[in-house]
Amino acid sequence: MDQLEDTLFERISEDDFDRFLSDVSIEMKNNNQEYKDLLKQKHDILEKSPSLENLLDNGRVVNLTPEELLLFYDYELIMIDLSVLESKEMFIKGMKEAYYLFKRLDILK
């Protein structure tokens, strides 16, 4: 029997992995002030521009004003920042999983 057969990585389904990613996002919404601030900025931008919200949330083709284009640019920067924060948190959680896996495989003493 392969030692990795019984690890979380091998057992996890795509739905479970998606739920794990969602849980990380929810945890960050509750516990990470920087993440919360970015989400508020994102919400504020969408609130300022219903056309932009229509484009981003509903996929509708809309004409944006020059001001809305600047808001779209800001929105994209916020989305990048959110993604970076989420990636860092996923990396940390992945390293924790690796630590327990390495302990289990007697790679770490």
N, C-alpha and C. Protein backbone atom coordinates (compact mmCIF):
# COMPACT_ATOMS: atom_id res chain seq x y z
N MET A 1 0.84 -1.19 0.00
CA MET A 1 0.00 0.00 0.00
C MET A 1 0.88 1.24 0.00
N ASP A 2 0.56 2.17 -0.88
CA ASP A 2 1.28 3.43 -0.98
C ASP A 2 1.01 4.28 0.26
N GLN A 3 2.06 4.88 0.82
CA GLN A 3 1.90 5.67 2.03
C GLN A 3 1.03 6.90 1.82
N LEU A 4 0.92 7.39 0.61
CA LEU A 4 0.14 8.59 0.36
C LEU A 4 -1.33 8.30 0.11
N GLU A 5 -1.68 7.02 0.01
CA GLU A 5 -3.05 6.65 -0.31
C GLU A 5 -4.07 7.22 0.66
N ASP A 6 -3.71 7.30 1.91
CA ASP A 6 -4.67 7.69 2.93
C ASP A 6 -4.51 9.15 3.36
N THR A 7 -3.86 9.96 2.57
CA THR A 7 -3.70 11.37 2.93
C THR A 7 -4.90 12.17 2.48
N LEU A 8 -5.05 13.33 3.06
CA LEU A 8 -6.12 14.23 2.68
C LEU A 8 -6.06 14.52 1.19
N PHE A 9 -4.87 14.74 0.68
CA PHE A 9 -4.70 15.06 -0.74
C PHE A 9 -5.28 13.98 -1.63
N GLU A 10 -5.08 12.74 -1.26
CA GLU A 10 -5.57 11.62 -2.07
C GLU A 10 -7.07 11.38 -1.88
N ARG A 11 -7.60 11.70 -0.72
CA ARG A 11 -9.00 11.41 -0.41
C ARG A 11 -9.95 12.52 -0.83
N ILE A 12 -9.44 13.72 -0.95
CA ILE A 12 -10.32 14.87 -1.12
C ILE A 12 -10.94 14.89 -2.52
N SER A 13 -12.23 15.13 -2.56
CA SER A 13 -12.92 15.25 -3.84
C SER A 13 -12.86 16.71 -4.29
N GLU A 14 -13.25 16.95 -5.52
CA GLU A 14 -13.25 18.33 -6.02
C GLU A 14 -14.21 19.19 -5.21
N ASP A 15 -15.36 18.62 -4.85
CA ASP A 15 -16.32 19.38 -4.03
C ASP A 15 -15.73 19.71 -2.66
N ASP A 16 -15.05 18.75 -2.06
CA ASP A 16 -14.41 19.00 -0.77
C ASP A 16 -13.35 20.08 -0.88
N PHE A 17 -12.59 20.05 -1.96
CA PHE A 17 -11.55 21.05 -2.16
C PHE A 17 -12.18 22.43 -2.35
N ASP A 18 -13.25 22.50 -3.13
CA ASP A 18 -13.95 23.77 -3.31
C ASP A 18 -14.48 24.30 -1.98
N ARG A 19 -14.99 23.40 -1.15
CA ARG A 19 -15.50 23.78 0.17
C ARG A 19 -14.36 24.28 1.05
N PHE A 20 -13.19 23.64 0.97
CA PHE A 20 -12.01 24.08 1.70
C PHE A 20 -11.64 25.51 1.29
N LEU A 21 -11.63 25.78 -0.01
CA LEU A 21 -11.30 27.11 -0.50
C LEU A 21 -12.33 28.13 -0.01
N SER A 22 -13.59 27.75 -0.05
CA SER A 22 -14.65 28.63 0.42
C SER A 22 -14.51 28.90 1.91
N ASP A 23 -14.17 27.87 2.68
CA ASP A 23 -13.99 28.04 4.13
C ASP A 23 -12.86 29.00 4.44
N VAL A 24 -11.79 28.96 3.65
CA VAL A 24 -10.68 29.88 3.85
C VAL A 24 -11.16 31.30 3.62
N SER A 25 -11.93 31.51 2.58
CA SER A 25 -12.46 32.83 2.27
C SER A 25 -13.37 33.32 3.40
N ILE A 26 -14.23 32.46 3.89
CA ILE A 26 -15.14 32.83 4.98
C ILE A 26 -14.33 33.16 6.24
N GLU A 27 -13.33 32.36 6.53
CA GLU A 27 -12.49 32.62 7.70
C GLU A 27 -11.79 33.97 7.57
N MET A 28 -11.33 34.29 6.38
CA MET A 28 -10.66 35.57 6.17
C MET A 28 -11.65 36.73 6.31
N LYS A 29 -12.89 36.55 5.84
CA LYS A 29 -13.91 37.60 5.99
C LYS A 29 -14.17 37.89 7.46
N ASN A 30 -14.04 36.89 8.29
CA ASN A 30 -14.32 37.05 9.71
C ASN A 30 -13.11 37.50 10.52
N ASN A 31 -11.90 37.19 10.07
CA ASN A 31 -10.73 37.38 10.93
C ASN A 31 -9.61 38.23 10.38
N ASN A 32 -9.68 38.63 9.13
CA ASN A 32 -8.57 39.36 8.52
C ASN A 32 -9.04 40.76 8.13
N GLN A 33 -8.57 41.76 8.88
CA GLN A 33 -9.05 43.13 8.66
C GLN A 33 -8.71 43.66 7.27
N GLU A 34 -7.51 43.36 6.80
CA GLU A 34 -7.12 43.81 5.46
C GLU A 34 -8.07 43.24 4.40
N TYR A 35 -8.40 41.98 4.54
CA TYR A 35 -9.32 41.32 3.63
C TYR A 35 -10.70 41.98 3.69
N LYS A 36 -11.18 42.24 4.91
CA LYS A 36 -12.48 42.89 5.09
C LYS A 36 -12.49 44.27 4.44
N ASP A 37 -11.41 45.02 4.63
CA ASP A 37 -11.32 46.37 4.05
C ASP A 37 -11.38 46.31 2.52
N LEU A 38 -10.67 45.35 1.95
CA LEU A 38 -10.70 45.21 0.49
C LEU A 38 -12.09 44.82 -0.01
N LEU A 39 -12.76 43.95 0.71
CA LEU A 39 -14.12 43.58 0.33
C LEU A 39 -15.06 44.78 0.38
N LYS A 40 -14.88 45.63 1.39
CA LYS A 40 -15.70 46.83 1.50
C LYS A 40 -15.42 47.77 0.32
N GLN A 41 -14.16 47.94 -0.03
CA GLN A 41 -13.81 48.78 -1.17
C GLN A 41 -14.44 48.24 -2.46
N LYS A 42 -14.39 46.93 -2.61
CA LYS A 42 -15.00 46.28 -3.78
C LYS A 42 -16.50 46.57 -3.82
N HIS A 43 -17.15 46.39 -2.68
CA HIS A 43 -18.59 46.64 -2.58
C HIS A 43 -18.91 48.11 -2.88
N ASP A 44 -18.11 49.01 -2.35
CA ASP A 44 -18.33 50.45 -2.58
C ASP A 44 -18.23 50.79 -4.06
N ILE A 45 -17.28 50.21 -4.75
CA ILE A 45 -17.13 50.46 -6.18
C ILE A 45 -18.38 49.99 -6.93
N LEU A 46 -18.84 48.80 -6.62
CA LEU A 46 -20.02 48.26 -7.31
C LEU A 46 -21.26 49.08 -6.99
N GLU A 47 -21.32 49.60 -5.77
CA GLU A 47 -22.44 50.44 -5.38
C GLU A 47 -22.45 51.77 -6.14
N LYS A 48 -21.27 52.29 -6.43
CA LYS A 48 -21.16 53.56 -7.16
C LYS A 48 -21.55 53.41 -8.63
N SER A 49 -21.41 52.22 -9.17
CA SER A 49 -21.63 52.03 -10.60
C SER A 49 -22.49 50.81 -10.88
N PRO A 50 -23.80 51.01 -10.98
CA PRO A 50 -24.68 49.89 -11.33
C PRO A 50 -24.32 49.26 -12.69
N SER A 51 -23.84 50.10 -13.61
CA SER A 51 -23.44 49.54 -14.93
C SER A 51 -22.28 48.57 -14.78
N LEU A 52 -21.32 48.94 -13.97
CA LEU A 52 -20.17 48.07 -13.74
C LEU A 52 -20.61 46.79 -13.04
N GLU A 53 -21.48 46.94 -12.08
CA GLU A 53 -22.01 45.75 -11.39
C GLU A 53 -22.75 44.85 -12.37
N ASN A 54 -23.51 45.45 -13.27
CA ASN A 54 -24.23 44.69 -14.28
C ASN A 54 -23.27 43.91 -15.17
N LEU A 55 -22.18 44.54 -15.53
CA LEU A 55 -21.16 43.88 -16.35
C LEU A 55 -20.50 42.73 -15.59
N LEU A 56 -20.04 43.02 -14.38
CA LEU A 56 -19.25 42.04 -13.63
C LEU A 56 -20.09 40.91 -13.04
N ASP A 57 -21.23 41.24 -12.50
CA ASP A 57 -22.05 40.22 -11.84
C ASP A 57 -22.99 39.48 -12.78
N ASN A 58 -23.45 40.18 -13.83
CA ASN A 58 -24.45 39.58 -14.71
C ASN A 58 -23.93 39.29 -16.11
N GLY A 59 -22.71 39.72 -16.40
CA GLY A 59 -22.13 39.47 -17.71
C GLY A 59 -22.81 40.22 -18.83
N ARG A 60 -23.52 41.27 -18.50
CA ARG A 60 -24.21 42.05 -19.52
C ARG A 60 -23.24 43.00 -20.20
N VAL A 61 -23.43 43.20 -21.47
CA VAL A 61 -22.63 44.16 -22.23
C VAL A 61 -23.17 45.55 -21.92
N VAL A 62 -22.30 46.42 -21.43
CA VAL A 62 -22.71 47.78 -21.09
C VAL A 62 -21.66 48.76 -21.59
N ASN A 63 -22.08 49.99 -21.78
CA ASN A 63 -21.14 51.06 -22.10
C ASN A 63 -20.74 51.73 -20.80
N LEU A 64 -19.45 51.80 -20.56
CA LEU A 64 -18.96 52.42 -19.34
C LEU A 64 -18.46 53.83 -19.63
N THR A 65 -18.72 54.71 -18.69
CA THR A 65 -18.21 56.08 -18.80
C THR A 65 -16.72 56.06 -18.45
N PRO A 66 -16.01 57.13 -18.77
CA PRO A 66 -14.59 57.20 -18.36
C PRO A 66 -14.41 57.02 -16.84
N GLU A 67 -15.34 57.57 -16.06
CA GLU A 67 -15.26 57.41 -14.60
C GLU A 67 -15.45 55.94 -14.21
N GLU A 68 -16.38 55.28 -14.88
CA GLU A 68 -16.62 53.86 -14.59
C GLU A 68 -15.44 53.00 -15.01
N LEU A 69 -14.76 53.40 -16.07
CA LEU A 69 -13.55 52.67 -16.48
C LEU A 69 -12.47 52.78 -15.41
N LEU A 70 -12.36 53.96 -14.78
CA LEU A 70 -11.41 54.11 -13.67
C LEU A 70 -11.82 53.25 -12.48
N LEU A 71 -13.12 53.20 -12.22
CA LEU A 71 -13.61 52.33 -11.14
C LEU A 71 -13.33 50.86 -11.45
N PHE A 72 -13.49 50.50 -12.72
CA PHE A 72 -13.20 49.12 -13.13
C PHE A 72 -11.73 48.79 -12.88
N TYR A 73 -10.85 49.73 -13.21
CA TYR A 73 -9.42 49.56 -12.96
C TYR A 73 -9.17 49.35 -11.46
N ASP A 74 -9.76 50.20 -10.63
CA ASP A 74 -9.61 50.06 -9.18
C ASP A 74 -10.16 48.71 -8.70
N TYR A 75 -11.30 48.33 -9.26
CA TYR A 75 -11.92 47.05 -8.92
C TYR A 75 -10.96 45.90 -9.22
N GLU A 76 -10.36 45.93 -10.38
CA GLU A 76 -9.42 44.86 -10.77
C GLU A 76 -8.21 44.82 -9.83
N LEU A 77 -7.69 45.97 -9.43
CA LEU A 77 -6.58 46.00 -8.48
C LEU A 77 -6.99 45.39 -7.14
N ILE A 78 -8.19 45.70 -6.70
CA ILE A 78 -8.70 45.12 -5.45
C ILE A 78 -8.83 43.61 -5.58
N MET A 79 -9.34 43.14 -6.71
CA MET A 79 -9.49 41.70 -6.92
C MET A 79 -8.13 41.00 -6.90
N ILE A 80 -7.12 41.64 -7.45
CA ILE A 80 -5.76 41.07 -7.42
C ILE A 80 -5.28 40.99 -5.97
N ASP A 81 -5.47 42.06 -5.21
CA ASP A 81 -5.05 42.07 -3.81
C ASP A 81 -5.77 41.00 -3.01
N LEU A 82 -7.07 40.84 -3.25
CA LEU A 82 -7.83 39.79 -2.57
C LEU A 82 -7.28 38.41 -2.92
N SER A 83 -6.98 38.21 -4.18
CA SER A 83 -6.45 36.94 -4.64
C SER A 83 -5.09 36.63 -4.00
N VAL A 84 -4.26 37.65 -3.89
CA VAL A 84 -2.94 37.46 -3.26
C VAL A 84 -3.12 37.07 -1.79
N LEU A 85 -3.99 37.77 -1.08
CA LEU A 85 -4.23 37.42 0.34
C LEU A 85 -4.76 36.00 0.47
N GLU A 86 -5.69 35.62 -0.40
CA GLU A 86 -6.24 34.26 -0.36
C GLU A 86 -5.15 33.24 -0.67
N SER A 87 -4.32 33.53 -1.65
CA SER A 87 -3.24 32.60 -2.02
C SER A 87 -2.26 32.40 -0.87
N LYS A 88 -1.93 33.48 -0.20
CA LYS A 88 -1.02 33.37 0.96
C LYS A 88 -1.63 32.49 2.04
N GLU A 89 -2.92 32.70 2.31
CA GLU A 89 -3.59 31.90 3.34
C GLU A 89 -3.67 30.44 2.94
N MET A 90 -3.94 30.18 1.67
CA MET A 90 -3.98 28.79 1.17
C MET A 90 -2.61 28.14 1.29
N PHE A 91 -1.58 28.91 0.99
CA PHE A 91 -0.21 28.39 1.10
C PHE A 91 0.09 27.99 2.55
N ILE A 92 -0.27 28.87 3.48
CA ILE A 92 -0.03 28.58 4.90
C ILE A 92 -0.80 27.33 5.31
N LYS A 93 -2.07 27.25 4.92
CA LYS A 93 -2.86 26.06 5.28
C LYS A 93 -2.29 24.80 4.62
N GLY A 94 -1.82 24.93 3.39
CA GLY A 94 -1.19 23.80 2.71
C GLY A 94 0.08 23.35 3.41
N MET A 95 0.86 24.31 3.91
CA MET A 95 2.09 23.96 4.63
C MET A 95 1.75 23.24 5.94
N LYS A 96 0.67 23.64 6.59
CA LYS A 96 0.24 22.94 7.81
C LYS A 96 -0.12 21.49 7.48
N GLU A 97 -0.87 21.30 6.38
CA GLU A 97 -1.21 19.94 5.95
C GLU A 97 0.05 19.14 5.65
N ALA A 98 1.01 19.77 4.98
CA ALA A 98 2.27 19.09 4.64
C ALA A 98 3.03 18.70 5.92
N TYR A 99 3.03 19.58 6.89
CA TYR A 99 3.71 19.28 8.15
C TYR A 99 3.15 17.99 8.77
N TYR A 100 1.82 17.91 8.87
CA TYR A 100 1.21 16.72 9.48
C TYR A 100 1.43 15.48 8.61
N LEU A 101 1.43 15.64 7.31
CA LEU A 101 1.73 14.53 6.41
C LEU A 101 3.17 14.06 6.61
N PHE A 102 4.11 14.99 6.68
CA PHE A 102 5.52 14.63 6.88
C PHE A 102 5.73 13.95 8.22
N LYS A 103 5.03 14.42 9.25
CA LYS A 103 5.12 13.76 10.56
C LYS A 103 4.60 12.32 10.46
N ARG A 104 3.50 12.15 9.78
CA ARG A 104 2.88 10.84 9.64
C ARG A 104 3.78 9.88 8.86
N LEU A 105 4.49 10.40 7.89
CA LEU A 105 5.40 9.59 7.08
C LEU A 105 6.78 9.44 7.71
N ASP A 106 6.92 9.94 8.94
CA ASP A 106 8.19 9.90 9.67
C ASP A 106 9.31 10.62 8.94
N ILE A 107 8.94 11.62 8.14
CA ILE A 107 9.96 12.46 7.50
C ILE A 107 10.45 13.50 8.51
N LEU A 108 9.54 13.93 9.39
CA LEU A 108 9.88 14.83 10.48
C LEU A 108 9.79 14.05 11.79
N LYS A 109 10.67 14.33 12.67
CA LYS A 109 10.67 13.66 13.98
C LYS A 109 10.17 14.60 15.04
